Protein backbone atom coordinates (compact mmCIF):
# COMPACT_ATOMS: atom_id res chain seq x y z
CA ASP A 1 2.73 -16.44 32.08
CA ALA A 2 -0.15 -17.77 34.14
CA ALA A 3 -2.45 -17.95 31.08
CA LYS A 4 0.01 -19.72 28.77
CA PRO A 5 -1.17 -23.23 29.68
CA HIS A 6 -4.70 -22.19 28.68
CA GLY A 7 -4.06 -21.43 25.01
CA ASN A 8 -6.11 -24.46 24.01
CA ASP A 9 -9.04 -23.22 26.15
CA LEU A 10 -8.91 -19.87 24.37
CA PHE A 11 -8.74 -21.59 21.00
CA THR A 12 -11.73 -23.80 21.88
CA ILE A 13 -13.76 -20.69 22.75
CA LEU A 14 -12.70 -19.08 19.51
CA LYS A 15 -13.80 -22.04 17.39
CA ASN A 16 -17.17 -22.42 19.16
CA LYS A 17 -19.74 -20.83 16.82
CA SER A 18 -22.24 -20.42 19.67
CA VAL A 19 -19.96 -18.03 21.57
CA VAL A 20 -20.82 -14.36 21.07
CA THR A 21 -18.58 -12.27 18.82
CA ASP A 22 -17.14 -10.13 21.62
CA VAL A 23 -15.98 -13.17 23.56
CA SER A 24 -14.52 -14.83 20.46
CA GLY A 25 -12.72 -11.62 19.50
CA SER A 26 -11.34 -11.30 23.01
CA ALA A 27 -10.17 -14.92 22.93
CA VAL A 28 -8.19 -14.35 19.73
CA VAL A 29 -6.63 -11.17 21.15
CA ALA A 30 -5.68 -13.11 24.28
CA LEU A 31 -4.05 -15.78 22.11
CA GLY A 32 -2.07 -13.00 20.45
CA ASN A 33 -0.75 -11.98 23.84
CA LEU A 34 0.60 -15.45 24.65
CA GLY A 35 3.73 -15.19 22.51
CA ASP A 36 5.39 -18.52 21.76
CA ALA A 37 2.63 -20.38 23.59
CA ALA A 38 0.30 -19.36 20.74
CA LYS A 39 2.53 -20.94 18.10
CA PRO A 40 0.20 -23.93 17.53
CA TYR A 41 -2.66 -21.51 16.77
CA VAL A 42 -1.01 -18.93 14.49
CA LYS A 43 -2.14 -20.63 11.27
CA ASP A 44 -5.69 -20.81 12.64
CA ILE A 45 -5.60 -17.13 13.57
CA LEU A 46 -4.39 -16.31 10.06
CA ASP A 47 -7.21 -18.43 8.60
CA LEU A 48 -9.75 -16.47 10.67
CA PHE A 49 -8.25 -13.24 9.37
CA LYS A 50 -8.58 -14.40 5.77
CA ASP A 51 -12.07 -15.93 6.03
CA ASN A 52 -14.79 -13.69 4.56
CA SER A 53 -17.48 -15.60 6.47
CA VAL A 54 -15.98 -14.62 9.85
CA HIS A 55 -17.46 -11.59 11.60
CA PRO A 56 -15.42 -8.42 10.82
CA ASP A 57 -14.76 -7.76 14.51
CA ILE A 58 -13.19 -11.19 14.93
CA ARG A 59 -11.11 -10.64 11.78
CA PHE A 60 -9.87 -7.34 13.23
CA SER A 61 -9.03 -9.13 16.49
CA ALA A 62 -7.18 -11.80 14.50
CA ALA A 63 -5.14 -9.06 12.79
CA SER A 64 -4.35 -7.54 16.17
CA ALA A 65 -3.27 -10.93 17.49
CA LEU A 66 -1.02 -11.57 14.49
CA GLY A 67 0.60 -8.17 14.93
CA ASN A 68 1.32 -8.90 18.58
CA LEU A 69 2.90 -12.30 18.02
CA GLY A 70 6.18 -11.03 16.56
CA ASP A 71 8.57 -13.79 15.50
CA THR A 72 5.90 -16.42 16.19
CA THR A 73 4.14 -15.11 13.07
CA LYS A 74 7.26 -15.32 10.91
CA PRO A 75 6.25 -18.42 8.91
CA TYR A 76 3.08 -16.60 7.82
CA VAL A 77 4.37 -13.10 7.05
CA LYS A 78 4.29 -13.76 3.31
CA ASP A 79 0.61 -14.75 3.61
CA ILE A 80 -0.13 -11.48 5.38
CA ALA A 81 1.75 -9.51 2.70
CA ASP A 82 -0.22 -11.38 0.03
CA ILE A 83 -3.47 -10.26 1.69
CA LEU A 84 -2.25 -6.66 1.55
CA LYS A 85 -1.62 -6.95 -2.19
CA ASP A 86 -4.77 -8.90 -3.05
CA ASP A 87 -7.58 -6.58 -4.10
CA SER A 88 -10.12 -9.40 -3.76
CA PHE A 89 -9.97 -8.74 0.00
CA ASN A 90 -11.98 -5.78 1.20
CA SER A 91 -10.14 -2.61 2.08
CA ASN A 92 -10.51 -3.09 5.83
CA ILE A 93 -8.75 -6.45 5.71
CA ARG A 94 -6.03 -5.14 3.41
CA GLY A 95 -5.53 -2.19 5.74
CA TYR A 96 -5.31 -4.51 8.74
CA ALA A 97 -2.70 -6.55 6.84
CA ALA A 98 -0.59 -3.41 6.39
CA GLU A 99 -0.90 -2.64 10.08
CA VAL A 100 0.07 -6.21 11.02
CA LEU A 101 3.21 -5.95 8.89
CA GLY A 102 4.08 -2.62 10.50
CA ASN A 103 3.53 -4.02 13.98
CA LEU A 104 5.74 -7.03 13.23
CA GLY A 105 8.70 -4.75 12.51
CA ASP A 106 11.87 -6.64 11.61
CA THR A 107 9.95 -9.90 11.35
CA ALA A 108 8.26 -8.43 8.25
CA LYS A 109 11.18 -6.41 6.89
CA ASN A 110 11.23 -8.29 3.58
CA TYR A 111 7.74 -6.93 2.89
CA PHE A 112 8.18 -3.25 3.76
CA LYS A 113 8.55 -2.50 0.06
CA ASP A 114 5.11 -4.05 -0.51
CA ILE A 115 3.66 -1.57 2.00
CA VAL A 116 5.30 1.29 0.10
CA ASP A 117 4.06 -0.05 -3.23
CA ILE A 118 0.49 -0.05 -1.87
CA LEU A 119 1.03 3.46 -0.55
CA LYS A 120 2.16 4.73 -3.95
CA ASN A 121 -0.59 2.98 -5.91
CA LYS A 122 -3.27 5.58 -6.57
CA SER A 123 -5.80 2.95 -7.57
CA VAL A 124 -5.75 1.57 -4.01
CA GLY A 125 -8.41 3.02 -1.72
CA SER A 126 -7.46 5.77 0.69
CA ASP A 127 -8.23 3.65 3.75
CA VAL A 128 -5.66 1.03 2.71
CA ARG A 129 -3.12 3.74 1.89
CA ILE A 130 -3.73 5.34 5.29
CA SER A 131 -3.09 1.98 6.96
CA ALA A 132 0.11 1.65 4.93
CA LEU A 133 1.22 5.03 6.23
CA GLU A 134 0.39 4.03 9.80
CA ALA A 135 2.43 0.86 9.32
CA LEU A 136 5.40 2.81 7.99
CA GLY A 137 5.10 5.30 10.82
CA ASN A 138 5.39 2.43 13.30
CA LEU A 139 8.63 1.10 11.83
CA GLY A 140 11.02 3.64 13.33
CA ASP A 141 14.51 3.48 11.85
CA ALA A 142 13.50 0.63 9.56
CA ALA A 143 11.36 3.14 7.62
CA LYS A 144 14.28 5.45 6.79
CA PRO A 145 14.59 4.16 3.21
CA TYR A 146 10.93 5.06 2.66
CA VAL A 147 10.78 8.57 4.14
CA LYS A 148 11.06 10.13 0.68
CA ASP A 149 8.04 8.10 -0.45
CA ILE A 150 6.05 9.38 2.52
CA VAL A 151 7.12 12.95 1.78
CA ASP A 152 6.14 12.50 -1.88
CA ILE A 153 2.63 11.47 -0.79
CA LEU A 154 2.46 14.49 1.49
CA LYS A 155 3.42 16.86 -1.34
CA ASP A 156 1.17 15.28 -3.99
CA LYS A 157 -1.86 17.55 -4.25
CA SER A 158 -3.74 14.92 -6.27
CA VAL A 159 -3.78 12.69 -3.18
CA GLY A 160 -6.73 13.10 -0.84
CA SER A 161 -6.24 15.17 2.28
CA ASP A 162 -6.97 12.20 4.55
CA VAL A 163 -4.02 10.31 3.08
CA ARG A 164 -1.80 13.39 3.18
CA ILE A 165 -2.69 14.00 6.84
CA SER A 166 -1.72 10.40 7.57
CA ALA A 167 1.61 11.07 5.85
CA VAL A 168 2.16 13.95 8.27
CA PHE A 169 1.46 11.66 11.24
CA ALA A 170 3.70 8.93 9.82
CA LEU A 171 6.56 11.37 9.52
CA GLY A 172 5.89 12.66 13.02
CA ASN A 173 5.96 9.13 14.39
CA LEU A 174 9.31 8.52 12.78
CA GLY A 175 10.83 11.45 14.66
CA ASP A 176 14.49 12.14 14.02
């Protein structure tokens, strides 16, 4: 709570191009930890995530921040799902989008099917599919309707072993 009044200070650091990447990345992660106090900055964090000219480490930090913000991110969940589905974004960003949706849980429930569609699409790179599995594995009971899809990936011998191993971990994370 003590840092909440300093959201604007963190945002100013983040927007300052002369600040080193590690500090900027840390500032965006800190914004993601502020909850509702970060509400004025969520769109800007999303824009950082989407911007190809932004350093990849800062984009990863922006994804982490979005995933931590829960309901504060709700107005932008569709944008995050669109990134997941858009193959013009590189695979790292698409994978981060899947992870953000998984971390948002119920806030992103309308887009869980999109995660599964990416998982089942064999033309999507294995790294994005692995992130989709990680996202599903983080959903707990909300992933129950998709367990069969995860099992199908596990059993499909045409799927790479890295993806199949991630299916094992996803199932393990779902527990009972």
